[in-house]
Amino acid sequence: MATQQWSDLSTRRKTGMLVAASIHLALAATAWTDLARRPAEQVNGPKALWAVLIAVNFIGPVSYFLFGRKRESSGWGGRR
């Protein structure tokens, strides 16, 4: 597969790439902020490992939010 230069891409593709990159950066920034503020006791596994995994495309931040944080047992957001 031949590589393309940014200038060779259509406006639609450029827009799609910028939207995807923006979403990824927002997810990653939110996940890193949550990880930094959350005590280690409330994280499943080592915080350093999650900090690295969050950098992996969309999979990292989504995985952190689904599996990296321990569930609260009561209060808002907790399961009953």
Protein backbone atom coordinates (compact mmCIF):
# COMPACT_ATOMS: atom_id res chain seq x y z
CA MET A 1 0.00 0.00 0.00
CA ALA A 2 1.46 3.33 -1.03
CA THR A 3 1.63 6.10 1.51
CA GLN A 4 -0.04 9.41 0.84
CA GLN A 5 1.05 12.88 1.76
CA TRP A 6 -1.27 15.06 3.83
CA SER A 7 -1.65 17.40 0.87
CA ASP A 8 -2.86 14.48 -1.30
CA LEU A 9 -5.77 13.64 1.01
CA SER A 10 -9.29 14.87 0.34
CA THR A 11 -10.85 17.40 2.67
CA ARG A 12 -13.21 14.71 3.93
CA ARG A 13 -10.35 12.39 4.89
CA LYS A 14 -8.41 15.20 6.55
CA THR A 15 -11.49 16.13 8.56
CA GLY A 16 -12.07 12.51 9.57
CA MET A 17 -8.48 12.11 10.72
CA LEU A 18 -8.59 15.33 12.72
CA VAL A 19 -11.87 14.36 14.38
CA ALA A 20 -10.53 10.89 15.28
CA ALA A 21 -7.30 12.38 16.65
CA SER A 22 -9.25 14.93 18.70
CA ILE A 23 -11.48 12.26 20.21
CA HIS A 24 -8.47 10.09 21.04
CA LEU A 25 -6.62 12.97 22.69
CA ALA A 26 -9.68 13.96 24.72
CA LEU A 27 -10.21 10.37 25.89
CA ALA A 28 -6.53 9.93 26.75
CA ALA A 29 -6.30 13.27 28.60
CA THR A 30 -9.42 12.44 30.61
CA ALA A 31 -8.13 8.96 31.45
CA TRP A 32 -4.67 10.24 32.47
CA THR A 33 -6.25 12.94 34.65
CA ASP A 34 -8.52 10.41 36.33
CA LEU A 35 -5.61 8.02 36.84
CA ALA A 36 -3.41 10.74 38.35
CA ARG A 37 -6.10 11.83 40.81
CA ARG A 38 -7.30 8.35 41.76
CA PRO A 39 -5.58 6.60 44.71
CA ALA A 40 -3.71 3.40 43.83
CA GLU A 41 -6.16 1.42 45.98
CA GLN A 42 -8.95 2.32 43.55
CA VAL A 43 -7.06 1.13 40.45
CA ASN A 44 -6.98 -2.45 39.19
CA GLY A 45 -3.29 -3.16 38.62
CA PRO A 46 -0.26 -0.88 38.62
CA LYS A 47 -0.91 2.78 37.83
CA ALA A 48 2.31 2.96 35.78
CA LEU A 49 1.08 0.21 33.48
CA TRP A 50 -2.27 1.95 32.96
CA ALA A 51 -0.46 5.22 32.22
CA VAL A 52 1.35 3.50 29.34
CA LEU A 53 -1.70 1.56 28.10
CA ILE A 54 -3.81 4.71 27.92
CA ALA A 55 -1.56 5.89 25.07
CA VAL A 56 -2.72 2.99 22.85
CA ASN A 57 -5.24 4.45 20.39
CA PHE A 58 -8.87 4.28 21.48
CA ILE A 59 -8.39 0.90 23.11
CA GLY A 60 -6.24 2.18 25.98
CA PRO A 61 -8.49 4.89 27.44
CA VAL A 62 -11.66 2.85 26.93
CA SER A 63 -10.03 -0.18 28.59
CA TYR A 64 -8.96 1.96 31.53
CA PHE A 65 -12.49 3.28 32.06
CA LEU A 66 -14.00 -0.21 31.74
CA PHE A 67 -11.42 -2.35 33.55
CA GLY A 68 -8.80 -0.14 35.24
CA ARG A 69 -10.96 1.52 37.85
CA LYS A 70 -12.41 -0.37 40.78
CA ARG A 71 -16.17 -0.09 41.07
CA GLU A 72 -17.61 1.89 43.94
CA SER A 73 -19.87 -0.17 46.16
CA SER A 74 -22.30 2.63 47.05
CA GLY A 75 -23.26 6.17 46.15
CA TRP A 76 -23.55 7.68 42.72
CA GLY A 77 -22.34 5.42 39.97
CA GLY A 78 -22.17 2.37 42.20
CA ARG A 79 -24.01 -0.87 41.57
CA ARG A 80 -26.68 -1.95 44.02
